Amino acid sequence: MTRRRFRTLPALAGVWLAVAVLQGQETVVPVYEEPHHRMVFESPSTRILDVQVRPGETSLYHTHDSPILYVQLSQSQLRVETLGQPPAAPPAGRRGNPAPAAAAGGNPAPPRPGRVSSTTSYVEQPVTHRITNVGDRLFRLIAVLSRLPGDESATAADAGFSGTPEFTNHWYRAYRFTLEPGGTGPEHRHTAPVVIVQVTDGQAVATGAERHELTEAGKWAYFDPGTPHTIRNVGGAPVDMVEVEVRARP
């Protein structure tokens, strides 16, 4: 199975944006090629983006045309501009935005670490927009893009998960768990691709066909269907994780 990891210098985001401005034309790219939406992993089923927009920064116009799930790490006030429409700040909690916008005059209260949301309407109605961080803190999330048709036929148990998912739709199920210091989850496997996102700081290791060092919020691990894997807390503080199932027919 072809899989790629990516390492892109954050400074390139500013360089590419400056080039677009100098050319005097709007640059439109797929969301996974937009410099602030840095693609860190790609497989036939899944793309993982590390989205970071600093205060005052504006992304390129980028197109969403596939289902996407967001794991929020830090929130700020955003202005969203849809191509061909007047700029407007979306109302708080509007479906389809990368994160809820704040009311005028300040940033929103910090959400629970690892808040999960998803937009699936892009499948039927692609959207091209850009975002500007008009707040005073970093806007960051890990985004999981599905390249699969989705499926609702398999139960969580059939897919190899225990417990109740915190979030469910046709393309994703997401589960939240905490590993205490020294704790190790049982070795297990799933029938679907899985992305594990660390949402609090701490020290953990995820092992399977590959070894993933989980050392801070925003670190992630990916496992193919059927790959046995284990997660172990090797630090001195609890570590919170969100486990994302990219749903597909077994």
C-alpha atoms as a PDB file:
ATOM      1  CA  MET A   1       0.000   0.000   0.000  1.00  0.00           C
ATOM      2  CA  THR A   2       1.409   3.362  -1.051  1.00  0.00           C
ATOM      3  CA  ARG A   3       1.721   5.802   1.824  1.00  0.00           C
ATOM      4  CA  ARG A   4       3.553   9.085   2.042  1.00  0.00           C
ATOM      5  CA  ARG A   5       4.658  11.243   4.937  1.00  0.00           C
ATOM      6  CA  PHE A   6       5.358  14.905   4.381  1.00  0.00           C
ATOM      7  CA  ARG A   7       7.663  17.425   6.017  1.00  0.00           C
ATOM      8  CA  THR A   8       6.986  20.995   4.853  1.00  0.00           C
ATOM      9  CA  LEU A   9       8.642  24.027   6.403  1.00  0.00           C
ATOM     10  CA  PRO A  10       6.012  26.427   7.810  1.00  0.00           C
ATOM     11  CA  ALA A  11       7.921  29.352   6.275  1.00  0.00           C
ATOM     12  CA  LEU A  12       6.917  28.156   2.812  1.00  0.00           C
ATOM     13  CA  ALA A  13       3.326  29.171   3.541  1.00  0.00           C
ATOM     14  CA  GLY A  14       4.293  32.836   3.613  1.00  0.00           C
ATOM     15  CA  VAL A  15       6.497  32.510   0.529  1.00  0.00           C
ATOM     16  CA  TRP A  16       3.767  30.871  -1.560  1.00  0.00           C
ATOM     17  CA  LEU A  17       1.187  33.415  -0.445  1.00  0.00           C
ATOM     18  CA  ALA A  18       3.520  36.302  -1.298  1.00  0.00           C
ATOM     19  CA  VAL A  19       4.048  34.891  -4.794  1.00  0.00           C
ATOM     20  CA  ALA A  20       0.292  34.723  -5.323  1.00  0.00           C
ATOM     21  CA  VAL A  21      -0.110  38.363  -4.240  1.00  0.00           C
ATOM     22  CA  LEU A  22       2.713  39.530  -6.501  1.00  0.00           C
ATOM     23  CA  GLN A  23       1.104  37.803  -9.446  1.00  0.00           C
ATOM     24  CA  GLY A  24      -2.037  39.859  -8.836  1.00  0.00           C
ATOM     25  CA  GLN A  25      -4.401  36.911  -9.145  1.00  0.00           C
ATOM     26  CA  GLU A  26      -6.236  34.571  -6.851  1.00  0.00           C
ATOM     27  CA  THR A  27      -4.602  31.186  -6.441  1.00  0.00           C
ATOM     28  CA  VAL A  28      -6.984  28.285  -5.856  1.00  0.00           C
ATOM     29  CA  VAL A  29      -5.645  24.912  -4.711  1.00  0.00           C
ATOM     30  CA  PRO A  30      -7.099  21.691  -3.273  1.00  0.00           C
ATOM     31  CA  VAL A  31      -7.304  21.927   0.510  1.00  0.00           C
ATOM     32  CA  TYR A  32      -4.502  19.362   0.912  1.00  0.00           C
ATOM     33  CA  GLU A  33      -2.155  21.562  -1.189  1.00  0.00           C
ATOM     34  CA  GLU A  34      -2.868  24.772   0.738  1.00  0.00           C
ATOM     35  CA  PRO A  35       0.281  25.685   2.747  1.00  0.00           C
ATOM     36  CA  HIS A  36      -1.546  26.331   6.037  1.00  0.00           C
ATOM     37  CA  HIS A  37      -3.342  22.979   5.643  1.00  0.00           C
ATOM     38  CA  ARG A  38      -0.115  20.996   5.632  1.00  0.00           C
ATOM     39  CA  MET A  39      -0.585  17.421   4.474  1.00  0.00           C
ATOM     40  CA  VAL A  40       1.530  15.217   6.753  1.00  0.00           C
ATOM     41  CA  PHE A  41       0.308  11.826   5.567  1.00  0.00           C
ATOM     42  CA  GLU A  42      -1.413  10.266   2.583  1.00  0.00           C
ATOM     43  CA  SER A  43      -2.665   6.746   1.872  1.00  0.00           C
ATOM     44  CA  PRO A  44      -5.220   5.403  -0.628  1.00  0.00           C
ATOM     45  CA  SER A  45      -7.907   5.773   2.039  1.00  0.00           C
ATOM     46  CA  THR A  46      -6.901   8.786   4.099  1.00  0.00           C
ATOM     47  CA  ARG A  47      -5.196  12.157   4.109  1.00  0.00           C
ATOM     48  CA  ILE A  48      -4.058  13.804   7.368  1.00  0.00           C
ATOM     49  CA  LEU A  49      -3.628  17.596   7.502  1.00  0.00           C
ATOM     50  CA  ASP A  50      -1.975  19.637  10.246  1.00  0.00           C
ATOM     51  CA  VAL A  51      -3.824  22.957   9.946  1.00  0.00           C
ATOM     52  CA  GLN A  52      -2.129  25.955  11.531  1.00  0.00           C
ATOM     53  CA  VAL A  53      -3.039  29.615  10.955  1.00  0.00           C
ATOM     54  CA  ARG A  54      -1.265  32.198  13.091  1.00  0.00           C
ATOM     55  CA  PRO A  55      -2.816  35.547  14.078  1.00  0.00           C
ATOM     56  CA  GLY A  56      -2.973  37.865  11.062  1.00  0.00           C
ATOM     57  CA  GLU A  57      -2.361  35.109   8.502  1.00  0.00           C
ATOM     58  CA  THR A  58      -4.648  34.348   5.552  1.00  0.00           C
ATOM     59  CA  SER A  59      -4.745  31.080   3.676  1.00  0.00           C
ATOM     60  CA  LEU A  60      -4.920  30.719  -0.069  1.00  0.00           C
ATOM     61  CA  TYR A  61      -8.310  30.026  -1.554  1.00  0.00           C
ATOM     62  CA  HIS A  62      -8.720  26.275  -1.285  1.00  0.00           C
ATOM     63  CA  THR A  63     -11.378  23.805  -2.378  1.00  0.00           C
ATOM     64  CA  HIS A  64     -13.087  21.207  -0.190  1.00  0.00           C
ATOM     65  CA  ASP A  65     -14.731  18.364  -2.122  1.00  0.00           C
ATOM     66  CA  SER A  66     -14.487  15.392   0.229  1.00  0.00           C
ATOM     67  CA  PRO A  67     -15.681  14.523   3.739  1.00  0.00           C
ATOM     68  CA  ILE A  68     -13.481  15.894   6.484  1.00  0.00           C
ATOM     69  CA  LEU A  69     -13.246  15.443  10.247  1.00  0.00           C
ATOM     70  CA  TYR A  70     -11.636  18.016  12.532  1.00  0.00           C
ATOM     71  CA  VAL A  71      -9.875  17.429  15.859  1.00  0.00           C
ATOM     72  CA  GLN A  72      -9.554  20.905  17.360  1.00  0.00           C
ATOM     73  CA  LEU A  73      -6.337  21.731  19.224  1.00  0.00           C
ATOM     74  CA  SER A  74      -6.479  25.527  19.619  1.00  0.00           C
ATOM     75  CA  GLN A  75      -9.140  27.987  18.593  1.00  0.00           C
ATOM     76  CA  SER A  76      -9.132  31.586  17.448  1.00  0.00           C
ATOM     77  CA  GLN A  77     -11.470  34.024  15.759  1.00  0.00           C
ATOM     78  CA  LEU A  78     -11.694  33.413  12.010  1.00  0.00           C
ATOM     79  CA  ARG A  79     -12.993  35.328   9.016  1.00  0.00           C
ATOM     80  CA  VAL A  80     -14.166  33.017   6.221  1.00  0.00           C
ATOM     81  CA  GLU A  81     -14.340  34.321   2.645  1.00  0.00           C
ATOM     82  CA  THR A  82     -16.076  32.190   0.037  1.00  0.00           C
ATOM     83  CA  LEU A  83     -14.777  32.730  -3.489  1.00  0.00           C
ATOM     84  CA  GLY A  84     -17.104  35.017  -5.430  1.00  0.00           C
ATOM     85  CA  GLN A  85     -19.008  36.182  -2.360  1.00  0.00           C
ATOM     86  CA  PRO A  86     -18.572  39.208  -0.077  1.00  0.00           C
ATOM     87  CA  PRO A  87     -16.490  38.442   3.033  1.00  0.00           C
ATOM     88  CA  ALA A  88     -18.539  37.713   6.121  1.00  0.00           C
ATOM     89  CA  ALA A  89     -17.899  36.323   9.581  1.00  0.00           C
ATOM     90  CA  PRO A  90     -19.989  33.116   9.908  1.00  0.00           C
ATOM     91  CA  PRO A  91     -22.274  32.696  12.914  1.00  0.00           C
ATOM     92  CA  ALA A  92     -21.029  30.662  15.859  1.00  0.00           C
ATOM     93  CA  GLY A  93     -21.332  26.932  15.385  1.00  0.00           C
ATOM     94  CA  ARG A  94     -22.288  27.086  11.703  1.00  0.00           C
ATOM     95  CA  ARG A  95     -21.949  23.683  10.065  1.00  0.00           C
ATOM     96  CA  GLY A  96     -19.269  23.557   7.420  1.00  0.00           C
ATOM     97  CA  ASN A  97     -16.746  25.932   8.984  1.00  0.00           C
ATOM     98  CA  PRO A  98     -13.382  24.656  10.204  1.00  0.00           C
ATOM     99  CA  ALA A  99     -14.313  25.863  13.707  1.00  0.00           C
ATOM    100  CA  PRO A 100     -16.995  27.989  15.373  1.00  0.00           C
ATOM    101  CA  ALA A 101     -16.402  31.708  14.989  1.00  0.00           C
ATOM    102  CA  ALA A 102     -16.302  34.014  17.985  1.00  0.00           C
ATOM    103  CA  ALA A 103     -18.664  36.819  18.696  1.00  0.00           C
ATOM    104  CA  ALA A 104     -17.350  40.272  17.803  1.00  0.00           C
ATOM    105  CA  GLY A 105     -14.844  41.670  20.219  1.00  0.00           C
ATOM    106  CA  GLY A 106     -12.778  38.695  21.281  1.00  0.00           C
ATOM    107  CA  ASN A 107     -11.740  35.088  21.043  1.00  0.00           C
ATOM    108  CA  PRO A 108     -14.046  32.232  22.033  1.00  0.00           C
ATOM    109  CA  ALA A 109     -13.539  30.369  25.262  1.00  0.00           C
ATOM    110  CA  PRO A 110     -11.095  27.494  24.774  1.00  0.00           C
ATOM    111  CA  PRO A 111     -13.010  24.322  23.866  1.00  0.00           C
ATOM    112  CA  ARG A 112     -12.429  20.932  25.401  1.00  0.00           C
ATOM    113  CA  PRO A 113      -9.094  19.628  24.078  1.00  0.00           C
ATOM    114  CA  GLY A 114      -9.680  17.568  20.982  1.00  0.00           C
ATOM    115  CA  ARG A 115     -13.207  18.734  20.196  1.00  0.00           C
ATOM    116  CA  VAL A 116     -14.426  16.670  17.233  1.00  0.00           C
ATOM    117  CA  SER A 117     -16.575  17.970  14.373  1.00  0.00           C
ATOM    118  CA  SER A 118     -17.063  17.086  10.726  1.00  0.00           C
ATOM    119  CA  THR A 119     -18.304  18.495   7.443  1.00  0.00           C
ATOM    120  CA  THR A 120     -19.726  16.061   4.890  1.00  0.00           C
ATOM    121  CA  SER A 121     -21.707  18.480   2.702  1.00  0.00           C
ATOM    122  CA  TYR A 122     -18.604  19.124   0.595  1.00  0.00           C
ATOM    123  CA  VAL A 123     -19.243  15.793  -1.148  1.00  0.00           C
ATOM    124  CA  GLU A 124     -22.443  17.094  -2.758  1.00  0.00           C
ATOM    125  CA  GLN A 125     -21.498  20.779  -2.841  1.00  0.00           C
ATOM    126  CA  PRO A 126     -17.771  21.580  -3.004  1.00  0.00           C
ATOM    127  CA  VAL A 127     -16.752  24.894  -1.460  1.00  0.00           C
ATOM    128  CA  THR A 128     -13.828  27.184  -2.266  1.00  0.00           C
ATOM    129  CA  HIS A 129     -12.910  29.630   0.471  1.00  0.00           C
ATOM    130  CA  ARG A 130     -10.038  31.116   2.417  1.00  0.00           C
ATOM    131  CA  ILE A 131      -9.668  31.811   6.115  1.00  0.00           C
ATOM    132  CA  THR A 132      -8.025  34.658   8.015  1.00  0.00           C
ATOM    133  CA  ASN A 133      -7.079  34.426  11.683  1.00  0.00           C
ATOM    134  CA  VAL A 134      -8.348  37.755  13.049  1.00  0.00           C
ATOM    135  CA  GLY A 135      -7.889  36.653  16.657  1.00  0.00           C
ATOM    136  CA  ASP A 136      -4.822  36.778  18.865  1.00  0.00           C
ATOM    137  CA  ARG A 137      -3.918  33.105  19.220  1.00  0.00           C
ATOM    138  CA  LEU A 138      -2.933  30.201  17.006  1.00  0.00           C
ATOM    139  CA  PHE A 139      -5.745  28.381  15.215  1.00  0.00           C
ATOM    140  CA  ARG A 140      -4.790  24.711  14.954  1.00  0.00           C
ATOM    141  CA  LEU A 141      -6.477  21.418  14.219  1.00  0.00           C
ATOM    142  CA  ILE A 142      -5.726  18.001  12.814  1.00  0.00           C
ATOM    143  CA  ALA A 143      -7.992  17.187   9.866  1.00  0.00           C
ATOM    144  CA  VAL A 144      -8.721  13.694   8.567  1.00  0.00           C
ATOM    145  CA  LEU A 145      -9.929  13.524   4.960  1.00  0.00           C
ATOM    146  CA  SER A 146     -11.642  10.346   3.805  1.00  0.00           C
ATOM    147  CA  ARG A 147     -10.998   9.056   0.292  1.00  0.00           C
ATOM    148  CA  LEU A 148     -13.514   6.228   0.823  1.00  0.00           C
ATOM    149  CA  PRO A 149     -17.250   6.081   0.038  1.00  0.00           C
ATOM    150  CA  GLY A 150     -18.128   5.628   3.713  1.00  0.00           C
ATOM    151  CA  ASP A 151     -20.313   2.915   5.178  1.00  0.00           C
ATOM    152  CA  GLU A 152     -22.837   2.383   7.957  1.00  0.00           C
ATOM    153  CA  SER A 153     -23.281  -1.381   7.764  1.00  0.00           C
ATOM    154  CA  ALA A 154     -20.618  -2.361  10.331  1.00  0.00           C
ATOM    155  CA  THR A 155     -21.252  -1.836  14.032  1.00  0.00           C
ATOM    156  CA  ALA A 156     -18.489  -0.444  16.221  1.00  0.00           C
ATOM    157  CA  ALA A 157     -17.861  -3.946  17.582  1.00  0.00           C
ATOM    158  CA  ASP A 158     -17.702  -5.371  14.026  1.00  0.00           C
ATOM    159  CA  ALA A 159     -15.074  -2.741  13.200  1.00  0.00           C
ATOM    160  CA  GLY A 160     -13.001  -3.720  16.249  1.00  0.00           C
ATOM    161  CA  PHE A 161     -13.895  -0.915  18.672  1.00  0.00           C
ATOM    162  CA  SER A 162     -15.204  -1.065  22.206  1.00  0.00           C
ATOM    163  CA  GLY A 163     -17.208   1.563  24.011  1.00  0.00           C
ATOM    164  CA  THR A 164     -19.497   4.241  22.632  1.00  0.00           C
ATOM    165  CA  PRO A 165     -18.220   6.627  19.949  1.00  0.00           C
ATOM    166  CA  GLU A 166     -18.258  10.302  20.839  1.00  0.00           C
ATOM    167  CA  PHE A 167     -18.984  11.240  17.228  1.00  0.00           C
ATOM    168  CA  THR A 168     -20.575   9.329  14.358  1.00  0.00           C
ATOM    169  CA  ASN A 169     -21.572   9.987  10.758  1.00  0.00           C
ATOM    170  CA  HIS A 170     -21.516   8.063   7.467  1.00  0.00           C
ATOM    171  CA  TRP A 171     -17.750   8.515   6.993  1.00  0.00           C
ATOM    172  CA  TYR A 172     -16.317   8.570  10.516  1.00  0.00           C
ATOM    173  CA  ARG A 173     -16.618   7.367  14.075  1.00  0.00           C
ATOM    174  CA  ALA A 174     -14.472   9.010  16.764  1.00  0.00           C
ATOM    175  CA  TYR A 175     -13.657   7.677  20.228  1.00  0.00           C
ATOM    176  CA  ARG A 176     -11.984   9.447  23.158  1.00  0.00           C
ATOM    177  CA  PHE A 177      -9.795   7.708  25.711  1.00  0.00           C
ATOM    178  CA  THR A 178      -7.223   8.544  28.392  1.00  0.00           C
ATOM    179  CA  LEU A 179      -4.072   6.614  29.238  1.00  0.00           C
ATOM    180  CA  GLU A 180      -2.839   7.029  32.792  1.00  0.00           C
ATOM    181  CA  PRO A 181       0.930   7.107  33.504  1.00  0.00           C
ATOM    182  CA  GLY A 182       2.372   3.663  32.844  1.00  0.00           C
ATOM    183  CA  GLY A 183      -0.870   2.489  31.293  1.00  0.00           C
ATOM    184  CA  THR A 184      -0.938   0.327  28.170  1.00  0.00           C
ATOM    185  CA  GLY A 185      -3.961  -0.356  26.029  1.00  0.00           C
ATOM    186  CA  PRO A 186      -4.514  -3.954  24.901  1.00  0.00           C
ATOM    187  CA  GLU A 187      -3.152  -4.957  21.526  1.00  0.00           C
ATOM    188  CA  HIS A 188      -6.008  -4.755  19.063  1.00  0.00           C
ATOM    189  CA  ARG A 189      -6.819  -4.319  15.388  1.00  0.00           C
ATOM    190  CA  HIS A 190      -9.602  -2.761  13.343  1.00  0.00           C
ATOM    191  CA  THR A 191     -11.277  -3.520  10.034  1.00  0.00           C
ATOM    192  CA  ALA A 192     -11.034   0.153   8.978  1.00  0.00           C
ATOM    193  CA  PRO A 193      -8.191   2.660   8.660  1.00  0.00           C
ATOM    194  CA  VAL A 194      -7.545   4.386  11.990  1.00  0.00           C
ATOM    195  CA  VAL A 195      -5.998   7.752  12.889  1.00  0.00           C
ATOM    196  CA  ILE A 196      -5.056   8.384  16.529  1.00  0.00           C
ATOM    197  CA  VAL A 197      -4.613  12.052  17.491  1.00  0.00           C
ATOM    198  CA  GLN A 198      -2.938  13.127  20.732  1.00  0.00           C
ATOM    199  CA  VAL A 199      -4.938  16.049  22.160  1.00  0.00           C
ATOM    200  CA  THR A 200      -3.080  16.802  25.416  1.00  0.00           C
ATOM    201  CA  ASP A 201       0.626  17.010  26.131  1.00  0.00           C
ATOM    202  CA  GLY A 202       2.382  13.953  27.475  1.00  0.00           C
ATOM    203  CA  GLN A 203       4.594  11.049  26.424  1.00  0.00           C
ATOM    204  CA  ALA A 204       3.183   7.979  24.712  1.00  0.00           C
ATOM    205  CA  VAL A 205       4.207   5.463  22.089  1.00  0.00           C
ATOM    206  CA  ALA A 206       1.969   3.767  19.531  1.00  0.00           C
ATOM    207  CA  THR A 207       3.426   0.621  18.006  1.00  0.00           C
ATOM    208  CA  GLY A 208       2.269  -1.611  15.198  1.00  0.00           C
ATOM    209  CA  ALA A 209       3.788  -2.036  11.752  1.00  0.00           C
ATOM    210  CA  GLU A 210       5.334   1.381  12.503  1.00  0.00           C
ATOM    211  CA  ARG A 211       6.340   3.125  15.713  1.00  0.00           C
ATOM    212  CA  HIS A 212       4.859   6.557  16.437  1.00  0.00           C
ATOM    213  CA  GLU A 213       6.273   8.833  19.144  1.00  0.00           C
ATOM    214  CA  LEU A 214       3.397  10.783  20.700  1.00  0.00           C
ATOM    215  CA  THR A 215       5.127  13.596  22.560  1.00  0.00           C
ATOM    216  CA  GLU A 216       2.730  16.561  22.477  1.00  0.00           C
ATOM    217  CA  ALA A 217      -0.749  17.636  21.428  1.00  0.00           C
ATOM    218  CA  GLY A 218      -1.081  17.374  17.659  1.00  0.00           C
ATOM    219  CA  LYS A 219       1.002  14.231  17.240  1.00  0.00           C
ATOM    220  CA  TRP A 220      -0.752  11.411  15.422  1.00  0.00           C
ATOM    221  CA  ALA A 221      -0.491   7.754  14.428  1.00  0.00           C
ATOM    222  CA  TYR A 222      -2.012   5.908  11.473  1.00  0.00           C
ATOM    223  CA  PHE A 223      -2.771   2.207  11.190  1.00  0.00           C
ATOM    224  CA  ASP A 224      -3.976   0.272   8.156  1.00  0.00           C
ATOM    225  CA  PRO A 225      -6.953  -2.082   8.506  1.00  0.00           C
ATOM    226  CA  GLY A 226      -5.993  -5.339  10.195  1.00  0.00           C
ATOM    227  CA  THR A 227      -2.738  -3.997  11.669  1.00  0.00           C
ATOM    228  CA  PRO A 228      -2.306  -4.976  15.351  1.00  0.00           C
ATOM    229  CA  HIS A 229      -1.300  -1.983  17.448  1.00  0.00           C
ATOM    230  CA  THR A 230      -0.763  -0.949  21.052  1.00  0.00           C
ATOM    231  CA  ILE A 231      -0.542   2.444  22.763  1.00  0.00           C
ATOM    232  CA  ARG A 232       1.489   2.944  25.926  1.00  0.00           C
ATOM    233  CA  ASN A 233       1.856   5.983  28.207  1.00  0.00           C
ATOM    234  CA  VAL A 234       5.578   6.274  28.953  1.00  0.00           C
ATOM    235  CA  GLY A 235       5.375   9.618  30.785  1.00  0.00           C
ATOM    236  CA  GLY A 236       4.317  10.894  34.179  1.00  0.00           C
ATOM    237  CA  ALA A 237       0.969  12.498  33.282  1.00  0.00           C
ATOM    238  CA  PRO A 238      -2.303  11.263  31.768  1.00  0.00           C
ATOM    239  CA  VAL A 239      -2.562  11.544  27.977  1.00  0.00           C
ATOM    240  CA  ASP A 240      -5.844  12.103  26.141  1.00  0.00           C
ATOM    241  CA  MET A 241      -6.331  10.659  22.672  1.00  0.00           C
ATOM    242  CA  VAL A 242      -8.994  10.753  19.980  1.00  0.00           C
ATOM    243  CA  GLU A 243      -9.190   7.635  17.818  1.00  0.00           C
ATOM    244  CA  VAL A 244     -10.793   8.214  14.407  1.00  0.00           C
ATOM    245  CA  GLU A 245     -12.241   5.354  12.378  1.00  0.00           C
ATOM    246  CA  VAL A 246     -12.370   6.112   8.644  1.00  0.00           C
ATOM    247  CA  ARG A 247     -15.466   4.087   7.899  1.00  0.00           C
ATOM    248  CA  ALA A 248     -15.502   1.591   5.046  1.00  0.00           C
ATOM    249  CA  ARG A 249     -17.259  -1.663   4.267  1.00  0.00           C
ATOM    250  CA  PRO A 250     -15.172  -4.510   5.799  1.00  0.00           C
END
